C-alpha atoms as a PDB file:
ATOM      1  CA  UNK A   1      36.841  -2.042   3.967  1.00  0.00           C
ATOM      2  CA  UNK A   2      33.122  -2.781   4.324  1.00  0.00           C
ATOM      3  CA  UNK A   3      32.466   0.945   4.555  1.00  0.00           C
ATOM      4  CA  UNK A   4      34.165   1.590   1.199  1.00  0.00           C
ATOM      5  CA  UNK A   5      32.262  -1.261  -0.406  1.00  0.00           C
ATOM      6  CA  UNK A   6      28.951   0.109   0.905  1.00  0.00           C
ATOM      7  CA  UNK A   7      29.665   3.465  -0.766  1.00  0.00           C
ATOM      8  CA  UNK A   8      29.700   1.864  -4.208  1.00  0.00           C
ATOM      9  CA  UNK A   9      26.912  -0.700  -3.959  1.00  0.00           C
ATOM     10  CA  UNK A  10      23.555   0.352  -5.431  1.00  0.00           C
ATOM     11  CA  UNK A  11      20.923   1.341  -2.890  1.00  0.00           C
ATOM     12  CA  UNK A  12      17.466  -0.175  -2.913  1.00  0.00           C
ATOM     13  CA  UNK A  13      14.817   2.278  -4.126  1.00  0.00           C
ATOM     14  CA  UNK A  14      11.867   2.672  -1.758  1.00  0.00           C
ATOM     15  CA  UNK A  15       8.432   3.889  -2.814  1.00  0.00           C
ATOM     16  CA  UNK A  16       5.606   5.341  -0.705  1.00  0.00           C
ATOM     17  CA  UNK A  17       2.072   3.931  -0.571  1.00  0.00           C
ATOM     18  CA  UNK A  18      -1.185   4.971   1.106  1.00  0.00           C
ATOM     19  CA  UNK A  19      -4.142   2.760   1.992  1.00  0.00           C
ATOM     20  CA  UNK A  20      -7.438   4.448   1.107  1.00  0.00           C
ATOM     21  CA  UNK A  21     -10.861   3.517   2.466  1.00  0.00           C
ATOM     22  CA  UNK A  22     -14.074   3.514   0.420  1.00  0.00           C
ATOM     23  CA  UNK A  23     -14.481   7.311   0.850  1.00  0.00           C
ATOM     24  CA  UNK A  24     -10.910   8.003  -0.315  1.00  0.00           C
ATOM     25  CA  UNK A  25      -9.538   8.808   3.150  1.00  0.00           C
ATOM     26  CA  UNK A  26      -6.025   7.732   4.023  1.00  0.00           C
ATOM     27  CA  UNK A  27      -5.909   4.955   6.645  1.00  0.00           C
ATOM     28  CA  UNK A  28      -2.245   3.869   6.591  1.00  0.00           C
ATOM     29  CA  UNK A  29       1.146   4.402   4.959  1.00  0.00           C
ATOM     30  CA  UNK A  30       3.899   2.044   3.844  1.00  0.00           C
ATOM     31  CA  UNK A  31       7.380   2.828   2.573  1.00  0.00           C
ATOM     32  CA  UNK A  32       8.740  -0.181   0.676  1.00  0.00           C
ATOM     33  CA  UNK A  33      10.452  -1.398  -2.474  1.00  0.00           C
ATOM     34  CA  UNK A  34       7.444  -3.311  -3.884  1.00  0.00           C
ATOM     35  CA  UNK A  35       3.745  -2.492  -3.979  1.00  0.00           C
ATOM     36  CA  UNK A  36       1.742  -3.868  -1.027  1.00  0.00           C
ATOM     37  CA  UNK A  37      -0.655  -6.734  -1.662  1.00  0.00           C
ATOM     38  CA  UNK A  38      -4.351  -5.985  -1.329  1.00  0.00           C
ATOM     39  CA  UNK A  39      -7.005  -3.556  -2.473  1.00  0.00           C
ATOM     40  CA  UNK A  40      -6.957   0.144  -1.697  1.00  0.00           C
ATOM     41  CA  UNK A  41      -3.212   0.808  -1.902  1.00  0.00           C
ATOM     42  CA  UNK A  42      -2.102   3.671  -4.157  1.00  0.00           C
ATOM     43  CA  UNK A  43       1.402   4.962  -4.812  1.00  0.00           C
ATOM     44  CA  UNK A  44       2.043   8.496  -3.593  1.00  0.00           C
ATOM     45  CA  UNK A  45       4.821  11.081  -4.002  1.00  0.00           C
ATOM     46  CA  UNK A  46       5.587  11.335  -0.283  1.00  0.00           C
ATOM     47  CA  UNK A  47       4.195  10.454   3.117  1.00  0.00           C
ATOM     48  CA  UNK A  48       2.615  13.275   5.128  1.00  0.00           C
ATOM     49  CA  UNK A  49       1.180  12.377   8.510  1.00  0.00           C
ATOM     50  CA  UNK A  50      -1.420  15.155   8.326  1.00  0.00           C
ATOM     51  CA  UNK A  51      -3.111  13.149   5.533  1.00  0.00           C
ATOM     52  CA  UNK A  52      -4.130  10.382   7.977  1.00  0.00           C
ATOM     53  CA  UNK A  53      -7.932  10.094   8.200  1.00  0.00           C
ATOM     54  CA  UNK A  54      -8.213  12.866   5.581  1.00  0.00           C
ATOM     55  CA  UNK A  55      -8.968  12.774   1.866  1.00  0.00           C
ATOM     56  CA  UNK A  56      -5.787  12.223  -0.093  1.00  0.00           C
ATOM     57  CA  UNK A  57      -4.981  15.224  -2.347  1.00  0.00           C
ATOM     58  CA  UNK A  58      -5.208  14.379  -6.046  1.00  0.00           C
ATOM     59  CA  UNK A  59      -1.709  15.713  -6.744  1.00  0.00           C
ATOM     60  CA  UNK A  60      -0.221  13.325  -4.155  1.00  0.00           C
ATOM     61  CA  UNK A  61      -0.849  10.241  -6.301  1.00  0.00           C
ATOM     62  CA  UNK A  62       1.621   8.843  -8.784  1.00  0.00           C
ATOM     63  CA  UNK A  63       0.051   7.523 -11.971  1.00  0.00           C
ATOM     64  CA  UNK A  64       0.210   3.719 -12.190  1.00  0.00           C
ATOM     65  CA  UNK A  65       3.225   2.325 -13.942  1.00  0.00           C
ATOM     66  CA  UNK A  66       2.090   0.667 -17.143  1.00  0.00           C
ATOM     67  CA  UNK A  67       4.002  -1.747 -19.247  1.00  0.00           C
ATOM     68  CA  UNK A  68       6.023   0.194 -21.764  1.00  0.00           C
ATOM     69  CA  UNK A  69       5.899  -1.372 -25.174  1.00  0.00           C
ATOM     70  CA  UNK A  70       8.802  -1.029 -27.574  1.00  0.00           C
ATOM     71  CA  UNK A  71       6.420  -1.379 -30.507  1.00  0.00           C
ATOM     72  CA  UNK A  72       5.096   1.824 -32.032  1.00  0.00           C
ATOM     73  CA  UNK A  73       1.778   1.931 -33.882  1.00  0.00           C
ATOM     74  CA  UNK A  74       1.851   2.292 -37.651  1.00  0.00           C
ATOM     75  CA  UNK A  75       0.806   5.747 -38.771  1.00  0.00           C
ATOM     76  CA  UNK A  76      -1.828   6.020 -41.458  1.00  0.00           C
ATOM     77  CA  UNK A  77      -0.730   7.985 -44.516  1.00  0.00           C
END
C-alpha cells in the first residue's frame, strides 16, 4: 500500500548549485531543493565533475529567479 501511495505523491524538486571562487572557478557542487546560504553560489543546469577547479562555462548558469509581478506597466499612447 505504501508503494502505491508513493507513486502518487509529488516529488521534491532538486536544483544544482556550484560554488565559485574569486576567479570564477568551480570549487564545489550541491544538489538541493533550496539555494545554499553564503556568497559565491550560483544555480547551474547540471553538475559535471570535469568543471571542478575549472572556469564555469557561461551557458551552464541559470539566470536568477526574480520576483514575477502581476502588474503590467501602463503603455504610453
